[in-house]
C-alpha atoms as a PDB file:
ATOM      1  CA  UNK A   1      25.402 102.461 104.946  1.00  0.00           C
ATOM      2  CA  UNK A   2      25.119  99.539 102.629  1.00  0.00           C
ATOM      3  CA  UNK A   3      24.780  95.490 104.514  1.00  0.00           C
ATOM      4  CA  UNK A   4      28.047  94.643 103.107  1.00  0.00           C
ATOM      5  CA  UNK A   5      30.396  97.456 104.512  1.00  0.00           C
ATOM      6  CA  UNK A   6      29.342  95.920 108.198  1.00  0.00           C
ATOM      7  CA  UNK A   7      30.204  92.562 110.293  1.00  0.00           C
ATOM      8  CA  UNK A   8      28.534  92.071 113.725  1.00  0.00           C
ATOM      9  CA  UNK A   9      31.145  90.516 116.257  1.00  0.00           C
ATOM     10  CA  UNK A  10      29.552  88.049 118.913  1.00  0.00           C
ATOM     11  CA  UNK A  11      31.908  87.562 121.859  1.00  0.00           C
ATOM     12  CA  UNK A  12      33.832  90.993 120.579  1.00  0.00           C
ATOM     13  CA  UNK A  13      35.835  91.311 124.113  1.00  0.00           C
ATOM     14  CA  UNK A  14      36.945  87.915 124.225  1.00  0.00           C
ATOM     15  CA  UNK A  15      39.801  86.402 122.877  1.00  0.00           C
ATOM     16  CA  UNK A  16      38.438  85.056 119.605  1.00  0.00           C
ATOM     17  CA  UNK A  17      36.220  87.887 119.178  1.00  0.00           C
ATOM     18  CA  UNK A  18      38.238  90.213 120.079  1.00  0.00           C
ATOM     19  CA  UNK A  19      41.088  89.038 117.245  1.00  0.00           C
ATOM     20  CA  UNK A  20      38.239  89.073 114.932  1.00  0.00           C
ATOM     21  CA  UNK A  21      37.475  92.515 115.140  1.00  0.00           C
ATOM     22  CA  UNK A  22      40.751  93.380 115.648  1.00  0.00           C
ATOM     23  CA  UNK A  23      41.919  92.052 112.337  1.00  0.00           C
ATOM     24  CA  UNK A  24      38.672  92.960 110.665  1.00  0.00           C
ATOM     25  CA  UNK A  25      39.150  96.443 111.658  1.00  0.00           C
ATOM     26  CA  UNK A  26      42.875  96.530 110.626  1.00  0.00           C
ATOM     27  CA  UNK A  27      41.308  95.532 106.822  1.00  0.00           C
ATOM     28  CA  UNK A  28      39.388  98.165 106.585  1.00  0.00           C
ATOM     29  CA  UNK A  29      35.795  96.924 107.360  1.00  0.00           C
ATOM     30  CA  UNK A  30      33.260  98.395 109.493  1.00  0.00           C
ATOM     31  CA  UNK A  31      32.850  96.532 112.748  1.00  0.00           C
ATOM     32  CA  UNK A  32      30.026  96.376 114.790  1.00  0.00           C
ATOM     33  CA  UNK A  33      30.843  94.332 118.304  1.00  0.00           C
ATOM     34  CA  UNK A  34      28.279  92.821 120.738  1.00  0.00           C
ATOM     35  CA  UNK A  35      29.553  93.629 124.311  1.00  0.00           C
ATOM     36  CA  UNK A  36      27.488  93.078 127.361  1.00  0.00           C
ATOM     37  CA  UNK A  37      28.995  96.108 128.801  1.00  0.00           C
ATOM     38  CA  UNK A  38      30.580  98.848 127.084  1.00  0.00           C
ATOM     39  CA  UNK A  39      32.395 100.221 129.727  1.00  0.00           C
ATOM     40  CA  UNK A  40      34.840  97.130 130.015  1.00  0.00           C
ATOM     41  CA  UNK A  41      38.520  98.162 129.107  1.00  0.00           C
ATOM     42  CA  UNK A  42      38.436  95.812 126.156  1.00  0.00           C
ATOM     43  CA  UNK A  43      35.261  97.226 125.265  1.00  0.00           C
ATOM     44  CA  UNK A  44      36.680 100.710 125.101  1.00  0.00           C
ATOM     45  CA  UNK A  45      39.349  99.636 123.249  1.00  0.00           C
ATOM     46  CA  UNK A  46      37.710  98.324 120.342  1.00  0.00           C
ATOM     47  CA  UNK A  47      36.012 101.326 120.288  1.00  0.00           C
ATOM     48  CA  UNK A  48      39.621 103.071 120.205  1.00  0.00           C
ATOM     49  CA  UNK A  49      40.468 101.191 117.308  1.00  0.00           C
ATOM     50  CA  UNK A  50      37.287 102.256 115.364  1.00  0.00           C
ATOM     51  CA  UNK A  51      34.253  99.992 116.197  1.00  0.00           C
ATOM     52  CA  UNK A  52      30.861 100.556 116.907  1.00  0.00           C
ATOM     53  CA  UNK A  53      29.765  99.061 120.213  1.00  0.00           C
ATOM     54  CA  UNK A  54      26.741  97.739 120.654  1.00  0.00           C
ATOM     55  CA  UNK A  55      25.064  96.431 123.766  1.00  0.00           C
ATOM     56  CA  UNK A  56      23.324  93.104 123.702  1.00  0.00           C
ATOM     57  CA  UNK A  57      23.446  89.715 124.853  1.00  0.00           C
ATOM     58  CA  UNK A  58      23.509  86.377 123.300  1.00  0.00           C
ATOM     59  CA  UNK A  59      20.447  85.430 125.626  1.00  0.00           C
ATOM     60  CA  UNK A  60      18.268  88.212 124.528  1.00  0.00           C
ATOM     61  CA  UNK A  61      16.954  87.674 121.234  1.00  0.00           C
ATOM     62  CA  UNK A  62      15.977  91.053 121.331  1.00  0.00           C
ATOM     63  CA  UNK A  63      18.707  91.912 121.514  1.00  0.00           C
ATOM     64  CA  UNK A  64      20.191  90.111 119.301  1.00  0.00           C
ATOM     65  CA  UNK A  65      17.692  90.994 116.757  1.00  0.00           C
ATOM     66  CA  UNK A  66      17.971  94.608 116.632  1.00  0.00           C
ATOM     67  CA  UNK A  67      22.007  94.195 116.347  1.00  0.00           C
ATOM     68  CA  UNK A  68      21.922  91.823 113.268  1.00  0.00           C
ATOM     69  CA  UNK A  69      19.212  94.121 111.624  1.00  0.00           C
ATOM     70  CA  UNK A  70      21.127  95.813 107.924  1.00  0.00           C
ATOM     71  CA  UNK A  71      24.508  94.273 108.452  1.00  0.00           C
ATOM     72  CA  UNK A  72      26.016  91.477 106.690  1.00  0.00           C
ATOM     73  CA  UNK A  73      28.139  89.286 108.285  1.00  0.00           C
ATOM     74  CA  UNK A  74      28.445  87.841 111.840  1.00  0.00           C
ATOM     75  CA  UNK A  75      30.644  86.706 113.267  1.00  0.00           C
ATOM     76  CA  UNK A  76      29.839  83.437 116.103  1.00  0.00           C
ATOM     77  CA  UNK A  77      31.294  82.314 118.917  1.00  0.00           C
ATOM     78  CA  UNK A  78      29.741  81.130 121.990  1.00  0.00           C
ATOM     79  CA  UNK A  79      31.613  80.885 125.481  1.00  0.00           C
ATOM     80  CA  UNK A  80      33.503  77.659 126.222  1.00  0.00           C
ATOM     81  CA  UNK A  81      31.127  75.121 128.088  1.00  0.00           C
ATOM     82  CA  UNK A  82      31.627  72.167 130.170  1.00  0.00           C
ATOM     83  CA  UNK A  83      28.795  71.411 132.412  1.00  0.00           C
ATOM     84  CA  UNK A  84      25.512  70.065 131.449  1.00  0.00           C
ATOM     85  CA  UNK A  85      23.792  73.592 131.842  1.00  0.00           C
ATOM     86  CA  UNK A  86      26.073  75.490 130.026  1.00  0.00           C
ATOM     87  CA  UNK A  87      26.635  72.333 127.487  1.00  0.00           C
ATOM     88  CA  UNK A  88      22.891  73.809 126.421  1.00  0.00           C
ATOM     89  CA  UNK A  89      23.470  77.259 127.280  1.00  0.00           C
ATOM     90  CA  UNK A  90      25.890  76.726 124.517  1.00  0.00           C
ATOM     91  CA  UNK A  91      23.897  75.138 122.310  1.00  0.00           C
ATOM     92  CA  UNK A  92      20.964  77.455 122.738  1.00  0.00           C
ATOM     93  CA  UNK A  93      23.201  80.601 122.158  1.00  0.00           C
ATOM     94  CA  UNK A  94      24.366  78.839 119.085  1.00  0.00           C
ATOM     95  CA  UNK A  95      20.861  78.265 117.915  1.00  0.00           C
ATOM     96  CA  UNK A  96      19.261  81.631 118.367  1.00  0.00           C
ATOM     97  CA  UNK A  97      21.947  83.291 116.553  1.00  0.00           C
ATOM     98  CA  UNK A  98      21.546  81.372 113.408  1.00  0.00           C
ATOM     99  CA  UNK A  99      17.764  81.454 113.815  1.00  0.00           C
ATOM    100  CA  UNK A 100      17.903  85.538 114.066  1.00  0.00           C
ATOM    101  CA  UNK A 101      20.764  85.397 111.263  1.00  0.00           C
ATOM    102  CA  UNK A 102      18.291  83.747 108.806  1.00  0.00           C
ATOM    103  CA  UNK A 103      14.957  85.613 109.731  1.00  0.00           C
ATOM    104  CA  UNK A 104      17.041  89.281 109.217  1.00  0.00           C
ATOM    105  CA  UNK A 105      19.022  87.921 106.122  1.00  0.00           C
ATOM    106  CA  UNK A 106      22.328  87.942 107.004  1.00  0.00           C
ATOM    107  CA  UNK A 107      24.343  87.495 104.428  1.00  0.00           C
ATOM    108  CA  UNK A 108      27.478  85.458 105.991  1.00  0.00           C
ATOM    109  CA  UNK A 109      27.845  83.917 108.966  1.00  0.00           C
ATOM    110  CA  UNK A 110      30.940  82.843 110.108  1.00  0.00           C
ATOM    111  CA  UNK A 111      30.931  80.154 112.936  1.00  0.00           C
ATOM    112  CA  UNK A 112      33.805  79.008 115.283  1.00  0.00           C
ATOM    113  CA  UNK A 113      33.212  75.420 115.600  1.00  0.00           C
ATOM    114  CA  UNK A 114      35.871  72.992 116.642  1.00  0.00           C
ATOM    115  CA  UNK A 115      38.209  70.810 114.792  1.00  0.00           C
ATOM    116  CA  UNK A 116      36.785  67.553 114.748  1.00  0.00           C
ATOM    117  CA  UNK A 117      33.262  68.734 115.756  1.00  0.00           C
ATOM    118  CA  UNK A 118      31.938  66.235 112.387  1.00  0.00           C
ATOM    119  CA  UNK A 119      33.822  63.508 113.691  1.00  0.00           C
ATOM    120  CA  UNK A 120      31.216  61.992 116.270  1.00  0.00           C
ATOM    121  CA  UNK A 121      34.072  62.083 118.950  1.00  0.00           C
ATOM    122  CA  UNK A 122      32.027  61.898 122.256  1.00  0.00           C
ATOM    123  CA  UNK A 123      33.528  64.638 123.557  1.00  0.00           C
ATOM    124  CA  UNK A 124      30.663  67.000 125.533  1.00  0.00           C
ATOM    125  CA  UNK A 125      31.812  70.465 124.117  1.00  0.00           C
ATOM    126  CA  UNK A 126      32.488  69.274 120.730  1.00  0.00           C
ATOM    127  CA  UNK A 127      29.601  67.356 120.344  1.00  0.00           C
ATOM    128  CA  UNK A 128      27.638  70.602 121.569  1.00  0.00           C
ATOM    129  CA  UNK A 129      29.294  72.591 118.553  1.00  0.00           C
ATOM    130  CA  UNK A 130      28.550  69.617 116.155  1.00  0.00           C
ATOM    131  CA  UNK A 131      24.797  70.285 116.827  1.00  0.00           C
ATOM    132  CA  UNK A 132      25.056  74.330 116.606  1.00  0.00           C
ATOM    133  CA  UNK A 133      26.224  73.058 112.788  1.00  0.00           C
ATOM    134  CA  UNK A 134      23.771  71.143 112.040  1.00  0.00           C
ATOM    135  CA  UNK A 135      21.370  73.689 112.764  1.00  0.00           C
ATOM    136  CA  UNK A 136      23.221  76.317 110.829  1.00  0.00           C
ATOM    137  CA  UNK A 137      23.347  73.500 107.980  1.00  0.00           C
ATOM    138  CA  UNK A 138      19.442  72.661 108.343  1.00  0.00           C
ATOM    139  CA  UNK A 139      18.813  76.409 108.149  1.00  0.00           C
ATOM    140  CA  UNK A 140      20.289  76.633 104.758  1.00  0.00           C
ATOM    141  CA  UNK A 141      22.682  79.730 105.925  1.00  0.00           C
ATOM    142  CA  UNK A 142      25.235  81.461 103.984  1.00  0.00           C
ATOM    143  CA  UNK A 143      27.847  80.185 106.460  1.00  0.00           C
ATOM    144  CA  UNK A 144      31.479  79.694 106.821  1.00  0.00           C
ATOM    145  CA  UNK A 145      32.161  76.693 109.443  1.00  0.00           C
ATOM    146  CA  UNK A 146      35.826  77.580 110.802  1.00  0.00           C
ATOM    147  CA  UNK A 147      37.045  74.335 113.500  1.00  0.00           C
ATOM    148  CA  UNK A 148      40.052  75.634 115.127  1.00  0.00           C
ATOM    149  CA  UNK A 149      42.271  73.158 116.813  1.00  0.00           C
ATOM    150  CA  UNK A 150      43.846  73.383 120.697  1.00  0.00           C
ATOM    151  CA  UNK A 151      44.675  76.540 121.946  1.00  0.00           C
ATOM    152  CA  UNK A 152      48.232  78.077 122.450  1.00  0.00           C
ATOM    153  CA  UNK A 153      46.628  79.976 124.487  1.00  0.00           C
ATOM    154  CA  UNK A 154      45.839  77.228 126.796  1.00  0.00           C
ATOM    155  CA  UNK A 155      49.373  76.748 127.225  1.00  0.00           C
ATOM    156  CA  UNK A 156      50.553  80.193 129.077  1.00  0.00           C
ATOM    157  CA  UNK A 157      49.344  78.233 132.505  1.00  0.00           C
ATOM    158  CA  UNK A 158      52.564  77.146 132.631  1.00  0.00           C
ATOM    159  CA  UNK A 159      54.451  80.390 131.926  1.00  0.00           C
ATOM    160  CA  UNK A 160      55.098  81.376 135.910  1.00  0.00           C
ATOM    161  CA  UNK A 161      56.615  77.713 137.364  1.00  0.00           C
ATOM    162  CA  UNK A 162      56.802  78.214 141.124  1.00  0.00           C
ATOM    163  CA  UNK A 163      60.013  80.358 142.564  1.00  0.00           C
ATOM    164  CA  UNK A 164      63.030  78.540 142.080  1.00  0.00           C
ATOM    165  CA  UNK A 165      61.783  75.026 140.813  1.00  0.00           C
ATOM    166  CA  UNK A 166      61.669  73.756 136.987  1.00  0.00           C
ATOM    167  CA  UNK A 167      58.588  73.967 134.772  1.00  0.00           C
ATOM    168  CA  UNK A 168      56.822  70.717 134.887  1.00  0.00           C
ATOM    169  CA  UNK A 169      54.178  69.889 131.648  1.00  0.00           C
ATOM    170  CA  UNK A 170      52.097  67.039 133.313  1.00  0.00           C
ATOM    171  CA  UNK A 171      49.381  66.664 130.731  1.00  0.00           C
ATOM    172  CA  UNK A 172      47.287  63.137 130.103  1.00  0.00           C
ATOM    173  CA  UNK A 173      48.551  63.110 126.448  1.00  0.00           C
ATOM    174  CA  UNK A 174      50.673  60.612 124.260  1.00  0.00           C
ATOM    175  CA  UNK A 175      54.207  62.162 124.490  1.00  0.00           C
ATOM    176  CA  UNK A 176      54.797  60.740 120.616  1.00  0.00           C
ATOM    177  CA  UNK A 177      51.746  62.346 119.228  1.00  0.00           C
ATOM    178  CA  UNK A 178      51.365  65.588 117.656  1.00  0.00           C
ATOM    179  CA  UNK A 179      49.657  68.163 118.793  1.00  0.00           C
ATOM    180  CA  UNK A 180      48.158  70.853 116.113  1.00  0.00           C
ATOM    181  CA  UNK A 181      47.659  74.005 117.904  1.00  0.00           C
ATOM    182  CA  UNK A 182      46.506  77.686 117.037  1.00  0.00           C
ATOM    183  CA  UNK A 183      46.809  80.849 118.178  1.00  0.00           C
ATOM    184  CA  UNK A 184      43.395  82.831 119.282  1.00  0.00           C
ATOM    185  CA  UNK A 185      44.685  85.873 117.088  1.00  0.00           C
ATOM    186  CA  UNK A 186      45.048  83.534 114.286  1.00  0.00           C
ATOM    187  CA  UNK A 187      41.253  82.252 114.228  1.00  0.00           C
ATOM    188  CA  UNK A 188      40.777  86.315 113.969  1.00  0.00           C
ATOM    189  CA  UNK A 189      42.633  85.785 111.343  1.00  0.00           C
ATOM    190  CA  UNK A 190      41.018  83.431 109.363  1.00  0.00           C
ATOM    191  CA  UNK A 191      37.561  84.687 110.729  1.00  0.00           C
ATOM    192  CA  UNK A 192      38.216  88.030 108.755  1.00  0.00           C
ATOM    193  CA  UNK A 193      39.864  86.446 105.522  1.00  0.00           C
ATOM    194  CA  UNK A 194      36.241  84.739 105.409  1.00  0.00           C
ATOM    195  CA  UNK A 195      34.266  87.186 104.749  1.00  0.00           C
ATOM    196  CA  UNK A 196      37.048  88.799 102.490  1.00  0.00           C
ATOM    197  CA  UNK A 197      37.400  86.332 100.383  1.00  0.00           C
ATOM    198  CA  UNK A 198      33.466  85.074 100.380  1.00  0.00           C
ATOM    199  CA  UNK A 199      33.350  83.929  97.299  1.00  0.00           C
ATOM    200  CA  UNK A 200      36.321  81.481  98.134  1.00  0.00           C
ATOM    201  CA  UNK A 201      34.694  80.022 101.687  1.00  0.00           C
ATOM    202  CA  UNK A 202      31.429  80.301 101.998  1.00  0.00           C
ATOM    203  CA  UNK A 203      29.335  77.151 102.455  1.00  0.00           C
ATOM    204  CA  UNK A 204      33.205  75.596 103.776  1.00  0.00           C
ATOM    205  CA  UNK A 205      34.336  73.909 106.658  1.00  0.00           C
ATOM    206  CA  UNK A 206      37.869  74.441 107.414  1.00  0.00           C
ATOM    207  CA  UNK A 207      40.001  72.657 110.103  1.00  0.00           C
ATOM    208  CA  UNK A 208      42.520  75.389 111.015  1.00  0.00           C
ATOM    209  CA  UNK A 209      46.019  75.040 112.669  1.00  0.00           C
ATOM    210  CA  UNK A 210      49.296  76.806 112.704  1.00  0.00           C
ATOM    211  CA  UNK A 211      51.407  74.371 114.235  1.00  0.00           C
ATOM    212  CA  UNK A 212      51.911  70.723 115.227  1.00  0.00           C
ATOM    213  CA  UNK A 213      54.040  69.798 118.465  1.00  0.00           C
ATOM    214  CA  UNK A 214      54.716  66.508 120.421  1.00  0.00           C
ATOM    215  CA  UNK A 215      54.020  68.070 123.976  1.00  0.00           C
ATOM    216  CA  UNK A 216      58.102  67.408 124.696  1.00  0.00           C
ATOM    217  CA  UNK A 217      59.099  69.744 121.809  1.00  0.00           C
ATOM    218  CA  UNK A 218      55.881  71.989 123.649  1.00  0.00           C
ATOM    219  CA  UNK A 219      58.217  71.757 126.728  1.00  0.00           C
ATOM    220  CA  UNK A 220      61.833  72.328 124.650  1.00  0.00           C
ATOM    221  CA  UNK A 221      60.088  75.508 123.235  1.00  0.00           C
ATOM    222  CA  UNK A 222      59.397  76.815 126.685  1.00  0.00           C
ATOM    223  CA  UNK A 223      63.055  76.223 127.604  1.00  0.00           C
ATOM    224  CA  UNK A 224      64.816  77.695 124.822  1.00  0.00           C
ATOM    225  CA  UNK A 225      62.341  80.926 125.400  1.00  0.00           C
ATOM    226  CA  UNK A 226      62.427  81.447 128.572  1.00  0.00           C
ATOM    227  CA  UNK A 227      65.735  79.850 130.008  1.00  0.00           C
ATOM    228  CA  UNK A 228      63.997  77.774 132.550  1.00  0.00           C
ATOM    229  CA  UNK A 229      64.508  74.056 132.739  1.00  0.00           C
ATOM    230  CA  UNK A 230      61.369  72.388 131.047  1.00  0.00           C
ATOM    231  CA  UNK A 231      59.962  68.869 130.934  1.00  0.00           C
ATOM    232  CA  UNK A 232      56.920  66.702 129.910  1.00  0.00           C
ATOM    233  CA  UNK A 233      55.809  64.213 132.247  1.00  0.00           C
ATOM    234  CA  UNK A 234      52.956  61.994 130.779  1.00  0.00           C
ATOM    235  CA  UNK A 235      49.691  61.326 132.860  1.00  0.00           C
ATOM    236  CA  UNK A 236      47.419  58.612 132.486  1.00  0.00           C
ATOM    237  CA  UNK A 237      44.576  59.265 129.864  1.00  0.00           C
ATOM    238  CA  UNK A 238      41.004  58.784 131.257  1.00  0.00           C
ATOM    239  CA  UNK A 239      39.111  61.792 130.214  1.00  0.00           C
ATOM    240  CA  UNK A 240      37.645  61.054 126.659  1.00  0.00           C
ATOM    241  CA  UNK A 241      39.174  64.103 125.361  1.00  0.00           C
ATOM    242  CA  UNK A 242      42.686  63.034 126.171  1.00  0.00           C
ATOM    243  CA  UNK A 243      41.597  59.941 124.771  1.00  0.00           C
ATOM    244  CA  UNK A 244      40.554  61.761 121.090  1.00  0.00           C
ATOM    245  CA  UNK A 245      43.580  63.271 121.317  1.00  0.00           C
ATOM    246  CA  UNK A 246      45.442  59.772 121.599  1.00  0.00           C
ATOM    247  CA  UNK A 247      43.230  57.670 119.162  1.00  0.00           C
ATOM    248  CA  UNK A 248      42.749  60.145 116.174  1.00  0.00           C
ATOM    249  CA  UNK A 249      42.894  63.926 117.229  1.00  0.00           C
ATOM    250  CA  UNK A 250      42.713  67.057 114.829  1.00  0.00           C
ATOM    251  CA  UNK A 251      43.611  66.564 111.210  1.00  0.00           C
ATOM    252  CA  UNK A 252      44.025  70.303 109.886  1.00  0.00           C
ATOM    253  CA  UNK A 253      46.238  70.134 106.955  1.00  0.00           C
ATOM    254  CA  UNK A 254      48.701  72.274 108.404  1.00  0.00           C
ATOM    255  CA  UNK A 255      51.369  72.269 105.537  1.00  0.00           C
ATOM    256  CA  UNK A 256      48.590  73.359 103.334  1.00  0.00           C
ATOM    257  CA  UNK A 257      47.348  76.034 105.339  1.00  0.00           C
ATOM    258  CA  UNK A 258      50.754  77.609 106.310  1.00  0.00           C
ATOM    259  CA  UNK A 259      51.570  77.365 102.022  1.00  0.00           C
ATOM    260  CA  UNK A 260      48.582  79.694 101.689  1.00  0.00           C
ATOM    261  CA  UNK A 261      48.943  81.812 104.454  1.00  0.00           C
ATOM    262  CA  UNK A 262      52.293  81.778 105.721  1.00  0.00           C
ATOM    263  CA  UNK A 263      52.390  84.160 108.264  1.00  0.00           C
ATOM    264  CA  UNK A 264      50.457  81.660 111.018  1.00  0.00           C
ATOM    265  CA  UNK A 265      51.276  82.000 114.477  1.00  0.00           C
ATOM    266  CA  UNK A 266      54.391  79.400 114.976  1.00  0.00           C
ATOM    267  CA  UNK A 267      54.317  77.999 118.622  1.00  0.00           C
ATOM    268  CA  UNK A 268      57.619  79.523 119.641  1.00  0.00           C
ATOM    269  CA  UNK A 269      56.953  82.909 118.479  1.00  0.00           C
ATOM    270  CA  UNK A 270      53.644  82.754 120.092  1.00  0.00           C
ATOM    271  CA  UNK A 271      55.255  82.338 123.152  1.00  0.00           C
ATOM    272  CA  UNK A 272      58.160  84.863 122.479  1.00  0.00           C
ATOM    273  CA  UNK A 273      55.202  87.628 121.933  1.00  0.00           C
ATOM    274  CA  UNK A 274      53.129  86.685 124.899  1.00  0.00           C
ATOM    275  CA  UNK A 275      55.784  85.612 127.789  1.00  0.00           C
END
């Protein structure tokens, strides 16, 4: 087996890693899926689809080194972090993956970061990814940075309103300002595309989105899909992330991306597929 046939996918039983593995397998690529527990249903499903399960841990460098040896591509994603301790762990893990990729001669690292990471947002869990991005650049790794925007999947939280009540989307956002969004499955599409179109996307940083809606429009989509009366209620904007959303927010070229990749998921279609 040559290096060029194998992509190692980290976080393979999660939303982004799982989507990346499935898209790669659908395109005929050889996938090694890093999992902590090969007995998990999600891991077994990847194996059924053709992935080779590799047991390992982001906190065990020896297991990462063994998993990366002989592969050409690595998809790197770390668990979402909020608190000081988990943010430090995210940076440590992201840096470790990059270090070992450099050490083992990985030909293409695709790192899933966040939209706006390059813009000094002051948002802790954006700045952690920016630090990993800077480390990748300092190592001179052959890499593609994907910067996904707000996850549509986050809005499934509102799928089931209290019995007999209207659905209320109460969020601290400006009702007039559109929010760029992406389905987790489309992150996998972009990651697989980065490996497939190495010549075109190597060395690039790409902010990725599939749709752009205000939250009153999100509420209207929910009502059309479910038939349940749905309204948006703005809450006071206090958290730094929501301040940034109101000040500037994500800056993906949604129209350009949809022109180039017309199959990207729109939010209303996402609801129909997932509810």
